[in-house]
Amino acid sequence: MVIGESLAGSERAIALARGAAGRSATAGVHPHEARRWSDAQQRVRELLAAPDVVAVGETGLDYHYLHSPRDTQRRAFEAHLQLGLELGKPVIVHARDADDDMAAMLRALGPRPPVIVLHSFASGDAVWDAGMSIGAYFSFSGMITFKNWTQTGRLAVCPSDRLLVETDAPYLAPVPHRGKRNEPGFVRAVAERAAALRGESFEELTRRTTENARRCFGARIDSSL
């Protein structure tokens, strides 16, 4: 899955995915780019209609860097959530140092929320509990292979039908690839570590996460590891 993080990035992601077996794209504006959402929203809506586009985002809240003001991030995130609900597509959510606002916005979605994917999950109790309350998917990245990873308990108890694995390339390359540019093929190392931390076989974990990915994003998702 090629992630769109800006209008230009979304268009590039779709170009890469177009006509490629097992490859898909997303369209959206990352919270770093939220200040550009007003100018991008109509085109993003158009891009989301493309058959290769399986999800809205990456969107969300990031108060760590504050490349866009908090209120601007919240407005853009709300608009993405509404697009996901309207178009029936999952929303890929980035959350960093914004737990209280993120949890509040997820809980405010009510009893019929869009499908939510809390990607590269590393948030605290508030976001975990809010995600659980709305049946979100929790996607774990190469961070779970790091020595300073502290959320083994969350990974271990994540419901098996809500668990996903990812790389978040080109960053967060998993062990034993630390220091390299991350790439999708490294997801096998993430899956191996997730299986070990959950006390499951690699085969069982990858079967479940593939089923989950296809349920969430559709049949275009490739199962090869």
Protein backbone atom coordinates (compact mmCIF):
# COMPACT_ATOMS: atom_id res chain seq x y z
CA MET A 1 0.00 0.00 0.00
CA VAL A 2 1.49 3.31 -1.13
CA ILE A 3 0.52 6.06 1.31
CA GLY A 4 -0.51 9.56 0.31
CA GLU A 5 0.70 12.19 2.78
CA SER A 6 -0.08 15.31 0.74
CA LEU A 7 -1.98 16.16 -2.42
CA ALA A 8 1.11 15.71 -4.58
CA GLY A 9 2.08 12.60 -2.63
CA SER A 10 -1.38 11.11 -3.09
CA GLU A 11 -1.19 11.64 -6.85
CA ARG A 12 2.23 9.96 -6.93
CA ALA A 13 0.94 7.07 -4.81
CA ILE A 14 -1.93 6.47 -7.22
CA ALA A 15 0.41 6.60 -10.21
CA LEU A 16 2.58 3.91 -8.58
CA ALA A 17 -0.40 1.70 -7.75
CA ARG A 18 -2.29 2.08 -11.02
CA GLY A 19 -2.62 -1.26 -12.77
CA ALA A 20 -0.08 -3.02 -10.54
CA ALA A 21 -1.22 -6.36 -9.16
CA GLY A 22 -1.23 -6.43 -5.36
CA ARG A 23 -0.46 -2.72 -5.08
CA SER A 24 -2.88 -0.10 -3.81
CA ALA A 25 -2.82 3.55 -2.71
CA THR A 26 -4.36 5.99 -0.26
CA ALA A 27 -5.23 9.66 -0.65
CA GLY A 28 -5.14 12.28 2.06
CA VAL A 29 -3.19 14.99 3.84
CA HIS A 30 -0.89 14.24 6.80
CA PRO A 31 -1.29 16.49 9.87
CA HIS A 32 2.07 18.09 9.03
CA GLU A 33 0.41 19.33 5.83
CA ALA A 34 -2.97 20.19 7.38
CA ARG A 35 -2.51 23.89 6.70
CA ARG A 36 -2.87 23.04 3.01
CA TRP A 37 -6.06 21.01 3.45
CA SER A 38 -8.48 23.73 2.31
CA ASP A 39 -6.78 23.95 -1.07
CA ALA A 40 -6.42 20.17 -1.41
CA GLN A 41 -9.75 18.81 -0.19
CA GLN A 42 -11.71 18.84 -3.45
CA ARG A 43 -8.92 17.12 -5.36
CA VAL A 44 -8.42 14.57 -2.57
CA ARG A 45 -12.13 13.73 -2.78
CA GLU A 46 -11.73 13.16 -6.51
CA LEU A 47 -8.66 10.97 -5.99
CA LEU A 48 -10.51 8.83 -3.44
CA ALA A 49 -12.87 7.73 -6.22
CA ALA A 50 -10.04 6.01 -8.12
CA PRO A 51 -10.30 2.18 -8.05
CA ASP A 52 -6.69 1.84 -6.88
CA VAL A 53 -7.36 3.97 -3.77
CA VAL A 54 -8.44 1.81 -0.84
CA ALA A 55 -8.25 4.22 2.11
CA VAL A 56 -8.40 7.83 3.28
CA GLY A 57 -5.24 9.33 4.70
CA GLU A 58 -2.74 9.38 6.13
CA THR A 59 -4.45 11.86 8.40
CA GLY A 60 -4.62 12.54 12.14
CA LEU A 61 -2.96 14.70 14.76
CA ASP A 62 0.73 15.37 15.43
CA TYR A 63 1.50 17.80 18.25
CA HIS A 64 5.16 16.79 18.43
CA TYR A 65 6.38 18.95 15.57
CA LEU A 66 3.36 21.24 15.06
CA HIS A 67 4.14 21.90 11.40
CA SER A 68 0.47 22.91 11.25
CA PRO A 69 -1.52 24.57 14.08
CA ARG A 70 -3.50 22.26 16.33
CA ASP A 71 -6.90 23.67 15.41
CA THR A 72 -6.05 23.35 11.71
CA GLN A 73 -5.02 19.73 12.24
CA ARG A 74 -8.28 18.97 14.04
CA ARG A 75 -10.39 20.50 11.27
CA ALA A 76 -8.53 18.58 8.57
CA PHE A 77 -8.74 15.34 10.54
CA GLU A 78 -12.49 15.78 11.04
CA ALA A 79 -12.92 16.33 7.30
CA HIS A 80 -10.99 13.13 6.53
CA LEU A 81 -13.12 11.18 9.00
CA GLN A 82 -16.26 12.44 7.30
CA LEU A 83 -14.88 11.45 3.91
CA GLY A 84 -14.20 7.95 5.18
CA LEU A 85 -17.73 7.66 6.49
CA GLU A 86 -19.29 9.11 3.35
CA LEU A 87 -17.25 7.05 0.89
CA GLY A 88 -17.17 3.84 2.92
CA LYS A 89 -13.38 3.70 3.00
CA PRO A 90 -11.13 3.09 6.02
CA VAL A 91 -9.23 6.04 7.49
CA ILE A 92 -5.51 5.60 8.24
CA VAL A 93 -4.76 7.61 11.37
CA HIS A 94 -1.45 9.07 12.55
CA ALA A 95 -1.32 10.04 16.24
CA ARG A 96 1.68 11.54 18.02
CA ASP A 97 1.73 13.46 21.29
CA ALA A 98 -1.97 14.26 20.89
CA ASP A 99 -3.60 11.51 22.93
CA ASP A 100 -6.32 13.54 24.64
CA ASP A 101 -7.60 15.21 21.48
CA MET A 102 -7.23 12.05 19.42
CA ALA A 103 -9.17 9.98 21.95
CA ALA A 104 -11.90 12.61 22.19
CA MET A 105 -12.30 12.80 18.41
CA LEU A 106 -12.44 9.03 18.03
CA ARG A 107 -15.05 8.68 20.77
CA ALA A 108 -17.10 11.50 19.21
CA LEU A 109 -17.59 9.39 16.08
CA GLY A 110 -20.52 7.70 17.77
CA PRO A 111 -22.02 4.25 17.21
CA ARG A 112 -21.44 4.11 13.42
CA PRO A 113 -17.87 5.32 12.87
CA PRO A 114 -15.84 4.88 9.70
CA VAL A 115 -13.35 2.05 9.78
CA ILE A 116 -10.30 3.36 11.65
CA VAL A 117 -6.71 2.12 11.36
CA LEU A 118 -4.45 3.41 14.13
CA HIS A 119 -1.24 3.05 12.18
CA SER A 120 2.25 2.51 13.60
CA PHE A 121 0.54 2.34 16.97
CA ALA A 122 2.51 3.72 19.93
CA SER A 123 -0.08 5.82 21.77
CA GLY A 124 -1.14 5.67 25.39
CA ASP A 125 -4.14 4.34 27.28
CA ALA A 126 -6.57 7.04 26.14
CA VAL A 127 -6.13 6.31 22.43
CA TRP A 128 -5.99 2.55 23.00
CA ASP A 129 -9.26 2.60 24.93
CA ALA A 130 -10.93 4.90 22.40
CA GLY A 131 -9.78 2.70 19.53
CA MET A 132 -11.06 -0.40 21.27
CA SER A 133 -14.42 1.26 21.89
CA ILE A 134 -14.98 1.87 18.17
CA GLY A 135 -13.51 -1.39 16.88
CA ALA A 136 -10.42 0.19 15.32
CA TYR A 137 -7.62 -1.78 13.76
CA PHE A 138 -4.23 -1.47 15.48
CA SER A 139 -1.27 -1.60 13.08
CA PHE A 140 2.20 -2.23 14.50
CA SER A 141 5.40 -1.24 12.72
CA GLY A 142 9.13 -1.87 12.97
CA MET A 143 9.17 -0.09 16.34
CA ILE A 144 8.16 -3.38 17.98
CA THR A 145 11.62 -4.75 17.15
CA PHE A 146 13.46 -1.90 18.92
CA LYS A 147 15.12 -2.36 22.32
CA ASN A 148 13.24 0.65 23.72
CA TRP A 149 9.80 -0.61 22.68
CA THR A 150 7.52 -0.41 25.73
CA GLN A 151 4.11 -1.48 24.44
CA THR A 152 4.54 -5.25 24.30
CA GLY A 153 1.47 -5.63 26.49
CA ARG A 154 -0.72 -3.79 23.98
CA LEU A 155 0.52 -5.93 21.11
CA ALA A 156 0.00 -9.09 23.14
CA VAL A 157 -3.64 -8.35 23.99
CA CYS A 158 -4.69 -6.75 20.70
CA PRO A 159 -7.74 -8.67 19.46
CA SER A 160 -6.61 -11.05 16.73
CA ASP A 161 -9.24 -9.75 14.31
CA ARG A 162 -8.00 -6.15 14.75
CA LEU A 163 -4.26 -6.70 14.37
CA LEU A 164 -2.23 -5.43 11.40
CA VAL A 165 1.51 -5.21 10.67
CA GLU A 166 3.28 -2.61 8.53
CA THR A 167 6.66 -1.04 7.87
CA ASP A 168 5.85 2.71 7.71
CA ALA A 169 8.57 2.94 5.06
CA PRO A 170 10.84 4.73 4.40
CA TYR A 171 11.35 5.21 8.17
CA LEU A 172 11.45 2.91 11.21
CA ALA A 173 13.30 0.05 9.54
CA PRO A 174 12.98 -3.00 11.81
CA VAL A 175 15.84 -4.96 13.33
CA PRO A 176 17.98 -6.36 11.67
CA HIS A 177 17.70 -3.56 9.09
CA ARG A 178 18.16 -0.56 11.41
CA GLY A 179 19.99 2.28 9.74
CA LYS A 180 18.77 1.36 6.26
CA ARG A 181 15.99 2.96 4.29
CA ASN A 182 12.88 0.99 5.18
CA GLU A 183 11.00 -0.85 2.46
CA PRO A 184 7.82 -2.96 2.31
CA GLY A 185 9.72 -6.24 2.09
CA PHE A 186 10.97 -5.69 5.64
CA VAL A 187 7.45 -6.28 6.97
CA ARG A 188 8.40 -9.94 7.41
CA ALA A 189 10.70 -8.94 10.28
CA VAL A 190 7.83 -7.03 11.90
CA ALA A 191 5.54 -10.04 11.56
CA GLU A 192 8.15 -12.40 12.98
CA ARG A 193 8.62 -10.20 16.04
CA ALA A 194 4.88 -9.73 16.50
CA ALA A 195 4.37 -13.48 16.43
CA ALA A 196 7.10 -14.01 19.02
CA LEU A 197 5.70 -11.34 21.36
CA ARG A 198 2.20 -12.79 21.09
CA GLY A 199 3.34 -16.39 21.52
CA GLU A 200 1.96 -17.38 18.12
CA SER A 201 3.48 -19.08 15.11
CA PHE A 202 4.58 -16.89 12.24
CA GLU A 203 2.20 -18.74 9.94
CA GLU A 204 -0.81 -18.17 12.18
CA LEU A 205 -0.06 -14.49 12.71
CA THR A 206 0.45 -13.78 9.02
CA ARG A 207 -2.72 -15.67 8.13
CA ARG A 208 -4.71 -13.54 10.54
CA THR A 209 -3.13 -10.21 9.61
CA THR A 210 -3.65 -10.94 5.91
CA GLU A 211 -7.31 -11.74 6.55
CA ASN A 212 -7.64 -8.53 8.55
CA ALA A 213 -5.97 -6.42 5.87
CA ARG A 214 -8.24 -7.81 3.18
CA ARG A 215 -11.33 -7.28 5.34
CA CYS A 216 -10.25 -3.71 6.03
CA PHE A 217 -8.88 -2.62 2.65
CA GLY A 218 -10.27 -5.10 0.14
CA ALA A 219 -9.09 -7.94 -2.03
CA ARG A 220 -6.32 -5.90 -3.72
CA ILE A 221 -4.10 -6.44 -0.70
CA ASP A 222 -1.16 -8.73 -1.47
CA SER A 223 -0.51 -11.58 0.96
CA SER A 224 3.12 -12.25 0.06
CA LEU A 225 5.74 -11.89 2.77
